[in-house]
Amino acid sequence: MIDMEDTKLDFQTHTFHHVPDSPGGSDNQLIDENPSSKSFWSFDYYKQFFDVDTDQVKNRIIWGMIPRPGVNYVHSCIKPNPDLYGPFWICVTLVFTIAVSGNVANYLQYAPTGEYKWKYDFHIISFAATAIFLYAFMVPLALWSFIKWNNKSQSSFQEHLSFLELLCVYGYSLGIYVPVAILWVIQISWFQWILVLLGAALSGFVLLTAVSPAVEGPKKILVLMIVIGLHFLLAVGFMLYFFHVPVKLSAVISNDTDSPNLIPPKH
């Protein structure tokens, strides 16, 4: 039995400066974890590169085709969330667009002769995929390597451009060739060359606005010329290999359509 009169209760006031860990502390840590610290071999590591909404992809595609003077494409559209979702699907779409349009162009080239049994060329898919994905990956890799090396040799402050941002910029710069590849089906040589110049110039200017601030020193002009030159050569290669009418074939088509057939058909 406790005697309440003899018991003295000593109440003290404590000021807590540290909040004890809650049972859910480990869960909160997982939620707040920085995605860049995830394992390179985990699915979550690559998931962060595809975390983009429809509006962002749409804006990046549009402004990747329409240059704005004085506006850096990386600052206005890419940072701080570069993605691989748009570039990947642009490359895939471009591969199949070139494959289908190239076969249609091939049919239109040979159909007037009447002596060619046309068939679908599935090798175009592999050729287009190899060219597109090599360009979209190897050129940014080489450019990023040079920028990183060049920045170490320069004392002035230079803008940082990551490899992921370069992949993103180059991937979206190929978006303009999807509608251009469809228009290349039109078998008019001067019109095809206008599309080459227009597509390479518009998307190439976007590339220059992104790359130029990150390159300094005496080699800057040379690097920018290589960037725009490779972009132009890609467009020329697309048109000449998949769509352009050969000179010899044009002469054959012209002769077959202009001169009458003097040999009677065999029954």
C-alpha atoms as a PDB file:
ATOM      1  CA  MET A   1       0.000   0.000   0.000  1.00  0.00           C
ATOM      2  CA  ILE A   2       1.410   3.335  -1.050  1.00  0.00           C
ATOM      3  CA  ASP A   3       1.147   6.327   1.212  1.00  0.00           C
ATOM      4  CA  MET A   4       0.438   9.257  -1.113  1.00  0.00           C
ATOM      5  CA  GLU A   5       1.220  11.797   1.614  1.00  0.00           C
ATOM      6  CA  ASP A   6       4.804  10.531   2.012  1.00  0.00           C
ATOM      7  CA  THR A   7       5.443  10.319  -1.705  1.00  0.00           C
ATOM      8  CA  LYS A   8       6.859  13.429  -3.272  1.00  0.00           C
ATOM      9  CA  LEU A   9       6.529  13.782  -6.983  1.00  0.00           C
ATOM     10  CA  ASP A  10       9.265  15.759  -8.629  1.00  0.00           C
ATOM     11  CA  PHE A  11       8.099  17.197 -11.959  1.00  0.00           C
ATOM     12  CA  GLN A  12      10.808  18.372 -14.329  1.00  0.00           C
ATOM     13  CA  THR A  13      10.578  20.246 -17.575  1.00  0.00           C
ATOM     14  CA  HIS A  14      12.656  18.892 -20.462  1.00  0.00           C
ATOM     15  CA  THR A  15      13.392  20.566 -23.732  1.00  0.00           C
ATOM     16  CA  PHE A  16      13.888  18.061 -26.547  1.00  0.00           C
ATOM     17  CA  HIS A  17      16.268  19.110 -29.264  1.00  0.00           C
ATOM     18  CA  HIS A  18      16.328  15.748 -31.020  1.00  0.00           C
ATOM     19  CA  VAL A  19      13.263  13.982 -32.320  1.00  0.00           C
ATOM     20  CA  PRO A  20      13.618  10.219 -31.956  1.00  0.00           C
ATOM     21  CA  ASP A  21      13.453   8.092 -35.045  1.00  0.00           C
ATOM     22  CA  SER A  22       9.982   6.939 -35.900  1.00  0.00           C
ATOM     23  CA  PRO A  23       9.223   3.367 -36.947  1.00  0.00           C
ATOM     24  CA  GLY A  24       8.689   4.626 -40.489  1.00  0.00           C
ATOM     25  CA  GLY A  25      12.037   6.393 -40.670  1.00  0.00           C
ATOM     26  CA  SER A  26      13.513   3.870 -43.072  1.00  0.00           C
ATOM     27  CA  ASP A  27      10.565   4.241 -45.431  1.00  0.00           C
ATOM     28  CA  ASN A  28      10.946   8.014 -45.522  1.00  0.00           C
ATOM     29  CA  GLN A  29      14.595   7.589 -46.361  1.00  0.00           C
ATOM     30  CA  LEU A  30      13.724   5.420 -49.351  1.00  0.00           C
ATOM     31  CA  ILE A  31      11.199   7.956 -50.584  1.00  0.00           C
ATOM     32  CA  ASP A  32      13.591  10.877 -50.273  1.00  0.00           C
ATOM     33  CA  GLU A  33      16.511   8.961 -51.717  1.00  0.00           C
ATOM     34  CA  ASN A  34      18.337  10.672 -54.560  1.00  0.00           C
ATOM     35  CA  PRO A  35      17.681   8.725 -57.800  1.00  0.00           C
ATOM     36  CA  SER A  36      21.238   9.305 -58.957  1.00  0.00           C
ATOM     37  CA  SER A  37      22.470   7.186 -56.015  1.00  0.00           C
ATOM     38  CA  LYS A  38      20.619   4.100 -57.241  1.00  0.00           C
ATOM     39  CA  SER A  39      22.561   1.139 -58.505  1.00  0.00           C
ATOM     40  CA  PHE A  40      23.631   1.227 -62.145  1.00  0.00           C
ATOM     41  CA  TRP A  41      22.314  -2.329 -62.575  1.00  0.00           C
ATOM     42  CA  SER A  42      18.879  -1.641 -61.093  1.00  0.00           C
ATOM     43  CA  PHE A  43      15.705  -0.909 -63.021  1.00  0.00           C
ATOM     44  CA  ASP A  44      15.051   2.217 -60.932  1.00  0.00           C
ATOM     45  CA  TYR A  45      18.306   3.753 -62.149  1.00  0.00           C
ATOM     46  CA  TYR A  46      17.069   3.793 -65.752  1.00  0.00           C
ATOM     47  CA  LYS A  47      13.487   4.567 -64.801  1.00  0.00           C
ATOM     48  CA  GLN A  48      14.460   8.127 -63.858  1.00  0.00           C
ATOM     49  CA  PHE A  49      15.520   8.824 -67.460  1.00  0.00           C
ATOM     50  CA  PHE A  50      11.988   8.101 -68.702  1.00  0.00           C
ATOM     51  CA  ASP A  51      10.211  10.201 -66.076  1.00  0.00           C
ATOM     52  CA  VAL A  52       8.712  12.816 -68.393  1.00  0.00           C
ATOM     53  CA  ASP A  53       5.159  13.887 -69.238  1.00  0.00           C
ATOM     54  CA  THR A  54       3.475  14.363 -72.595  1.00  0.00           C
ATOM     55  CA  ASP A  55       3.649  18.161 -72.564  1.00  0.00           C
ATOM     56  CA  GLN A  56       7.402  18.131 -71.968  1.00  0.00           C
ATOM     57  CA  VAL A  57       8.000  15.696 -74.818  1.00  0.00           C
ATOM     58  CA  LYS A  58       5.758  17.703 -77.146  1.00  0.00           C
ATOM     59  CA  ASN A  59       7.516  20.983 -76.367  1.00  0.00           C
ATOM     60  CA  ARG A  60      10.948  19.431 -76.778  1.00  0.00           C
ATOM     61  CA  ILE A  61       9.996  17.977 -80.159  1.00  0.00           C
ATOM     62  CA  ILE A  62       8.527  21.269 -81.390  1.00  0.00           C
ATOM     63  CA  TRP A  63      11.391  23.489 -80.252  1.00  0.00           C
ATOM     64  CA  GLY A  64      13.883  20.900 -81.453  1.00  0.00           C
ATOM     65  CA  MET A  65      12.603  21.606 -84.976  1.00  0.00           C
ATOM     66  CA  ILE A  66      11.947  25.339 -84.685  1.00  0.00           C
ATOM     67  CA  PRO A  67      15.010  27.322 -83.569  1.00  0.00           C
ATOM     68  CA  ARG A  68      14.595  30.499 -81.569  1.00  0.00           C
ATOM     69  CA  PRO A  69      17.412  33.042 -81.956  1.00  0.00           C
ATOM     70  CA  GLY A  70      19.057  33.888 -78.669  1.00  0.00           C
ATOM     71  CA  VAL A  71      17.398  30.998 -76.809  1.00  0.00           C
ATOM     72  CA  ASN A  72      19.490  28.090 -75.569  1.00  0.00           C
ATOM     73  CA  TYR A  73      17.564  24.869 -76.238  1.00  0.00           C
ATOM     74  CA  VAL A  74      19.137  23.086 -73.264  1.00  0.00           C
ATOM     75  CA  HIS A  75      18.243  25.849 -70.800  1.00  0.00           C
ATOM     76  CA  SER A  76      14.730  26.446 -72.096  1.00  0.00           C
ATOM     77  CA  CYS A  77      13.582  22.869 -72.726  1.00  0.00           C
ATOM     78  CA  ILE A  78      15.959  20.218 -71.366  1.00  0.00           C
ATOM     79  CA  LYS A  79      17.285  21.270 -67.958  1.00  0.00           C
ATOM     80  CA  PRO A  80      16.913  20.223 -65.220  1.00  0.00           C
ATOM     81  CA  ASN A  81      15.220  17.005 -66.372  1.00  0.00           C
ATOM     82  CA  PRO A  82      16.801  15.494 -69.503  1.00  0.00           C
ATOM     83  CA  ASP A  83      15.088  12.321 -70.663  1.00  0.00           C
ATOM     84  CA  LEU A  84      15.691   9.375 -72.964  1.00  0.00           C
ATOM     85  CA  TYR A  85      12.028   8.593 -73.577  1.00  0.00           C
ATOM     86  CA  GLY A  86      11.572  11.111 -76.380  1.00  0.00           C
ATOM     87  CA  PRO A  87      14.922  10.467 -78.098  1.00  0.00           C
ATOM     88  CA  PHE A  88      14.402   6.694 -78.045  1.00  0.00           C
ATOM     89  CA  TRP A  89      10.948   6.781 -79.598  1.00  0.00           C
ATOM     90  CA  ILE A  90      11.975   9.453 -82.099  1.00  0.00           C
ATOM     91  CA  CYS A  91      14.786   7.196 -83.310  1.00  0.00           C
ATOM     92  CA  VAL A  92      12.478   4.165 -83.510  1.00  0.00           C
ATOM     93  CA  THR A  93       9.801   6.171 -85.332  1.00  0.00           C
ATOM     94  CA  LEU A  94      12.371   7.566 -87.746  1.00  0.00           C
ATOM     95  CA  VAL A  95      13.688   4.070 -88.521  1.00  0.00           C
ATOM     96  CA  PHE A  96      10.269   2.740 -89.502  1.00  0.00           C
ATOM     97  CA  THR A  97       9.291   5.959 -91.291  1.00  0.00           C
ATOM     98  CA  ILE A  98      12.403   5.753 -93.457  1.00  0.00           C
ATOM     99  CA  ALA A  99      11.831   2.032 -94.051  1.00  0.00           C
ATOM    100  CA  VAL A 100       8.235   2.477 -95.206  1.00  0.00           C
ATOM    101  CA  SER A 101       8.793   5.722 -97.113  1.00  0.00           C
ATOM    102  CA  GLY A 102      11.979   4.382 -98.685  1.00  0.00           C
ATOM    103  CA  ASN A 103      10.173   1.335-100.034  1.00  0.00           C
ATOM    104  CA  VAL A 104       7.361   3.507-101.377  1.00  0.00           C
ATOM    105  CA  ALA A 105       9.937   5.734-103.079  1.00  0.00           C
ATOM    106  CA  ASN A 106      11.632   2.656-104.507  1.00  0.00           C
ATOM    107  CA  TYR A 107       8.332   1.485-105.969  1.00  0.00           C
ATOM    108  CA  LEU A 108       7.635   4.896-107.503  1.00  0.00           C
ATOM    109  CA  GLN A 109      11.104   4.919-109.062  1.00  0.00           C
ATOM    110  CA  TYR A 110      10.813   1.548-110.806  1.00  0.00           C
ATOM    111  CA  ALA A 111       7.097   1.262-111.492  1.00  0.00           C
ATOM    112  CA  PRO A 112       7.179   3.365-114.722  1.00  0.00           C
ATOM    113  CA  THR A 113       9.632   0.942-116.352  1.00  0.00           C
ATOM    114  CA  GLY A 114       7.117  -1.890-116.260  1.00  0.00           C
ATOM    115  CA  GLU A 115       9.944  -4.436-116.238  1.00  0.00           C
ATOM    116  CA  TYR A 116      10.720  -4.546-112.545  1.00  0.00           C
ATOM    117  CA  LYS A 117       8.969  -6.842-110.124  1.00  0.00           C
ATOM    118  CA  TRP A 118       8.895  -4.757-106.984  1.00  0.00           C
ATOM    119  CA  LYS A 119       9.203  -6.344-103.550  1.00  0.00           C
ATOM    120  CA  TYR A 120       9.530  -4.913-100.067  1.00  0.00           C
ATOM    121  CA  ASP A 121      13.148  -4.461 -98.984  1.00  0.00           C
ATOM    122  CA  PHE A 122      13.436  -5.374 -95.314  1.00  0.00           C
ATOM    123  CA  HIS A 123      17.155  -4.596 -95.272  1.00  0.00           C
ATOM    124  CA  ILE A 124      16.275  -0.904 -95.207  1.00  0.00           C
ATOM    125  CA  ILE A 125      15.159  -1.285 -91.584  1.00  0.00           C
ATOM    126  CA  SER A 126      18.533  -2.616 -90.447  1.00  0.00           C
ATOM    127  CA  PHE A 127      20.463  -0.018 -92.451  1.00  0.00           C
ATOM    128  CA  ALA A 128      18.354   2.849 -91.134  1.00  0.00           C
ATOM    129  CA  ALA A 129      18.487   1.600 -87.536  1.00  0.00           C
ATOM    130  CA  THR A 130      22.269   1.227 -87.635  1.00  0.00           C
ATOM    131  CA  ALA A 131      22.827   4.703 -89.046  1.00  0.00           C
ATOM    132  CA  ILE A 132      20.346   6.460 -86.753  1.00  0.00           C
ATOM    133  CA  PHE A 133      21.282   4.853 -83.447  1.00  0.00           C
ATOM    134  CA  LEU A 134      25.015   5.095 -84.138  1.00  0.00           C
ATOM    135  CA  TYR A 135      24.647   8.789 -84.915  1.00  0.00           C
ATOM    136  CA  ALA A 136      22.383   9.441 -81.912  1.00  0.00           C
ATOM    137  CA  PHE A 137      24.834   7.767 -79.513  1.00  0.00           C
ATOM    138  CA  MET A 138      28.379   7.949 -80.890  1.00  0.00           C
ATOM    139  CA  VAL A 139      28.367  11.609 -81.932  1.00  0.00           C
ATOM    140  CA  PRO A 140      27.160  12.861 -78.498  1.00  0.00           C
ATOM    141  CA  LEU A 141      29.683  10.550 -76.829  1.00  0.00           C
ATOM    142  CA  ALA A 142      32.572  11.903 -78.892  1.00  0.00           C
ATOM    143  CA  LEU A 143      31.409  15.488 -78.406  1.00  0.00           C
ATOM    144  CA  TRP A 144      30.993  15.050 -74.646  1.00  0.00           C
ATOM    145  CA  SER A 145      34.480  13.522 -74.400  1.00  0.00           C
ATOM    146  CA  PHE A 146      35.998  16.464 -76.243  1.00  0.00           C
ATOM    147  CA  ILE A 147      34.101  19.034 -74.160  1.00  0.00           C
ATOM    148  CA  LYS A 148      35.226  17.366 -70.946  1.00  0.00           C
ATOM    149  CA  TRP A 149      38.847  17.301 -72.114  1.00  0.00           C
ATOM    150  CA  ASN A 150      38.676  20.852 -73.452  1.00  0.00           C
ATOM    151  CA  ASN A 151      37.189  22.235 -70.237  1.00  0.00           C
ATOM    152  CA  LYS A 152      40.147  20.948 -68.244  1.00  0.00           C
ATOM    153  CA  SER A 153      42.581  22.826 -70.453  1.00  0.00           C
ATOM    154  CA  GLN A 154      40.683  26.121 -70.271  1.00  0.00           C
ATOM    155  CA  SER A 155      40.990  28.441 -67.291  1.00  0.00           C
ATOM    156  CA  SER A 156      37.792  30.385 -67.944  1.00  0.00           C
ATOM    157  CA  PHE A 157      34.409  29.300 -66.661  1.00  0.00           C
ATOM    158  CA  GLN A 158      32.462  27.178 -69.085  1.00  0.00           C
ATOM    159  CA  GLU A 159      28.967  25.842 -69.060  1.00  0.00           C
ATOM    160  CA  HIS A 160      28.646  22.213 -68.046  1.00  0.00           C
ATOM    161  CA  LEU A 161      26.901  19.944 -70.537  1.00  0.00           C
ATOM    162  CA  SER A 162      26.373  16.360 -69.400  1.00  0.00           C
ATOM    163  CA  PHE A 163      26.387  13.285 -71.616  1.00  0.00           C
ATOM    164  CA  LEU A 164      22.705  12.678 -70.855  1.00  0.00           C
ATOM    165  CA  GLU A 165      21.836  16.222 -71.947  1.00  0.00           C
ATOM    166  CA  LEU A 166      23.739  15.740 -75.201  1.00  0.00           C
ATOM    167  CA  LEU A 167      21.934  12.455 -75.846  1.00  0.00           C
ATOM    168  CA  CYS A 168      18.646  14.219 -75.214  1.00  0.00           C
ATOM    169  CA  VAL A 169      19.453  17.142 -77.522  1.00  0.00           C
ATOM    170  CA  TYR A 170      20.665  14.939 -80.366  1.00  0.00           C
ATOM    171  CA  GLY A 171      17.685  12.618 -80.038  1.00  0.00           C
ATOM    172  CA  TYR A 172      15.162  15.433 -80.271  1.00  0.00           C
ATOM    173  CA  SER A 173      17.090  17.045 -83.134  1.00  0.00           C
ATOM    174  CA  LEU A 174      16.236  13.996 -85.266  1.00  0.00           C
ATOM    175  CA  GLY A 175      12.508  14.616 -84.869  1.00  0.00           C
ATOM    176  CA  ILE A 176      12.381  16.927 -87.883  1.00  0.00           C
ATOM    177  CA  TYR A 177      13.429  14.087 -90.192  1.00  0.00           C
ATOM    178  CA  VAL A 178      10.222  12.134 -89.536  1.00  0.00           C
ATOM    179  CA  PRO A 179       7.980  14.485 -91.589  1.00  0.00           C
ATOM    180  CA  VAL A 180      10.869  15.165 -93.972  1.00  0.00           C
ATOM    181  CA  ALA A 181      11.237  11.432 -94.666  1.00  0.00           C
ATOM    182  CA  ILE A 182       7.571  11.264 -95.630  1.00  0.00           C
ATOM    183  CA  LEU A 183       7.962  14.209 -98.011  1.00  0.00           C
ATOM    184  CA  TRP A 184      11.074  12.645 -99.557  1.00  0.00           C
ATOM    185  CA  VAL A 185       8.749  10.144-101.227  1.00  0.00           C
ATOM    186  CA  ILE A 186       7.926  12.894-103.742  1.00  0.00           C
ATOM    187  CA  GLN A 187      10.227  12.125-106.651  1.00  0.00           C
ATOM    188  CA  ILE A 188      11.288  15.674-107.500  1.00  0.00           C
ATOM    189  CA  SER A 189      15.031  16.093-107.127  1.00  0.00           C
ATOM    190  CA  TRP A 190      15.165  19.823-106.356  1.00  0.00           C
ATOM    191  CA  PHE A 191      12.342  19.446-103.823  1.00  0.00           C
ATOM    192  CA  GLN A 192      14.237  16.647-102.060  1.00  0.00           C
ATOM    193  CA  TRP A 193      17.366  18.791-101.822  1.00  0.00           C
ATOM    194  CA  ILE A 194      15.381  21.707-100.400  1.00  0.00           C
ATOM    195  CA  LEU A 195      14.085  19.362 -97.697  1.00  0.00           C
ATOM    196  CA  VAL A 196      17.663  18.290 -96.951  1.00  0.00           C
ATOM    197  CA  LEU A 197      18.822  21.876 -96.512  1.00  0.00           C
ATOM    198  CA  LEU A 198      15.744  22.926 -94.553  1.00  0.00           C
ATOM    199  CA  GLY A 199      15.746  19.982 -92.157  1.00  0.00           C
ATOM    200  CA  ALA A 200      19.489  20.096 -91.500  1.00  0.00           C
ATOM    201  CA  ALA A 201      19.522  23.885 -91.088  1.00  0.00           C
ATOM    202  CA  LEU A 202      16.611  24.099 -88.636  1.00  0.00           C
ATOM    203  CA  SER A 203      17.619  21.249 -86.343  1.00  0.00           C
ATOM    204  CA  GLY A 204      21.318  22.020 -86.803  1.00  0.00           C
ATOM    205  CA  PHE A 205      20.806  25.556 -85.499  1.00  0.00           C
ATOM    206  CA  VAL A 206      19.195  24.074 -82.383  1.00  0.00           C
ATOM    207  CA  LEU A 207      22.275  21.894 -81.899  1.00  0.00           C
ATOM    208  CA  LEU A 208      24.558  24.905 -82.216  1.00  0.00           C
ATOM    209  CA  THR A 209      22.651  26.875 -79.569  1.00  0.00           C
ATOM    210  CA  ALA A 210      23.058  23.931 -77.199  1.00  0.00           C
ATOM    211  CA  VAL A 211      26.704  23.091 -77.876  1.00  0.00           C
ATOM    212  CA  SER A 212      28.225  26.533 -78.456  1.00  0.00           C
ATOM    213  CA  PRO A 213      28.167  27.800 -74.820  1.00  0.00           C
ATOM    214  CA  ALA A 214      29.934  24.634 -73.637  1.00  0.00           C
ATOM    215  CA  VAL A 215      32.893  24.921 -76.025  1.00  0.00           C
ATOM    216  CA  GLU A 216      35.612  27.547 -75.688  1.00  0.00           C
ATOM    217  CA  GLY A 217      39.076  28.061 -77.008  1.00  0.00           C
ATOM    218  CA  PRO A 218      40.655  28.146 -80.470  1.00  0.00           C
ATOM    219  CA  LYS A 219      38.965  24.898 -81.535  1.00  0.00           C
ATOM    220  CA  LYS A 220      35.425  26.177 -80.988  1.00  0.00           C
ATOM    221  CA  ILE A 221      34.732  27.131 -84.618  1.00  0.00           C
ATOM    222  CA  LEU A 222      36.111  23.804 -85.850  1.00  0.00           C
ATOM    223  CA  VAL A 223      33.974  21.826 -83.408  1.00  0.00           C
ATOM    224  CA  LEU A 224      30.810  23.697 -84.360  1.00  0.00           C
ATOM    225  CA  MET A 225      31.565  23.159 -88.050  1.00  0.00           C
ATOM    226  CA  ILE A 226      31.959  19.423 -87.422  1.00  0.00           C
ATOM    227  CA  VAL A 227      28.671  19.321 -85.493  1.00  0.00           C
ATOM    228  CA  ILE A 228      26.667  21.002 -88.249  1.00  0.00           C
ATOM    229  CA  GLY A 229      28.601  19.136 -90.955  1.00  0.00           C
ATOM    230  CA  LEU A 230      27.797  15.701 -89.531  1.00  0.00           C
ATOM    231  CA  HIS A 231      24.170  16.699 -89.135  1.00  0.00           C
ATOM    232  CA  PHE A 232      24.035  17.803 -92.760  1.00  0.00           C
ATOM    233  CA  LEU A 233      25.783  14.622 -93.962  1.00  0.00           C
ATOM    234  CA  LEU A 234      23.212  12.516 -92.116  1.00  0.00           C
ATOM    235  CA  ALA A 235      20.377  14.223 -93.986  1.00  0.00           C
ATOM    236  CA  VAL A 236      22.201  13.875 -97.307  1.00  0.00           C
ATOM    237  CA  GLY A 237      22.840  10.195 -96.612  1.00  0.00           C
ATOM    238  CA  PHE A 238      19.180   9.574 -95.827  1.00  0.00           C
ATOM    239  CA  MET A 239      18.014  11.202 -99.026  1.00  0.00           C
ATOM    240  CA  LEU A 240      20.602   9.743-101.410  1.00  0.00           C
ATOM    241  CA  TYR A 241      20.530   6.193-100.073  1.00  0.00           C
ATOM    242  CA  PHE A 242      16.829   5.690 -99.405  1.00  0.00           C
ATOM    243  CA  PHE A 243      14.929   8.156-101.602  1.00  0.00           C
ATOM    244  CA  HIS A 244      16.885   9.789-104.414  1.00  0.00           C
ATOM    245  CA  VAL A 245      16.324   8.713-108.030  1.00  0.00           C
ATOM    246  CA  PRO A 246      19.604   7.560-109.626  1.00  0.00           C
ATOM    247  CA  VAL A 247      20.654   9.393-112.785  1.00  0.00           C
ATOM    248  CA  LYS A 248      20.752   6.220-114.896  1.00  0.00           C
ATOM    249  CA  LEU A 249      17.324   5.174-113.733  1.00  0.00           C
ATOM    250  CA  SER A 250      15.947   8.632-114.480  1.00  0.00           C
ATOM    251  CA  ALA A 251      17.201   8.289-118.065  1.00  0.00           C
ATOM    252  CA  VAL A 252      15.632   4.850-118.376  1.00  0.00           C
ATOM    253  CA  ILE A 253      12.319   6.103-117.040  1.00  0.00           C
ATOM    254  CA  SER A 254      12.440   9.100-119.389  1.00  0.00           C
ATOM    255  CA  ASN A 255      13.187   6.919-122.426  1.00  0.00           C
ATOM    256  CA  ASP A 256      10.507   4.403-121.580  1.00  0.00           C
ATOM    257  CA  THR A 257       7.851   7.042-121.116  1.00  0.00           C
ATOM    258  CA  ASP A 258       8.804   9.231-124.087  1.00  0.00           C
ATOM    259  CA  SER A 259       9.510   6.647-126.802  1.00  0.00           C
ATOM    260  CA  PRO A 260       6.823   4.257-128.076  1.00  0.00           C
ATOM    261  CA  ASN A 261       7.179   0.544-127.605  1.00  0.00           C
ATOM    262  CA  LEU A 262       7.873  -0.817-131.099  1.00  0.00           C
ATOM    263  CA  ILE A 263       8.094  -4.449-130.084  1.00  0.00           C
ATOM    264  CA  PRO A 264       4.657  -6.040-129.989  1.00  0.00           C
ATOM    265  CA  PRO A 265       3.829  -7.944-126.853  1.00  0.00           C
ATOM    266  CA  LYS A 266       4.155 -11.711-126.987  1.00  0.00           C
ATOM    267  CA  HIS A 267       0.982 -13.747-126.606  1.00  0.00           C
END
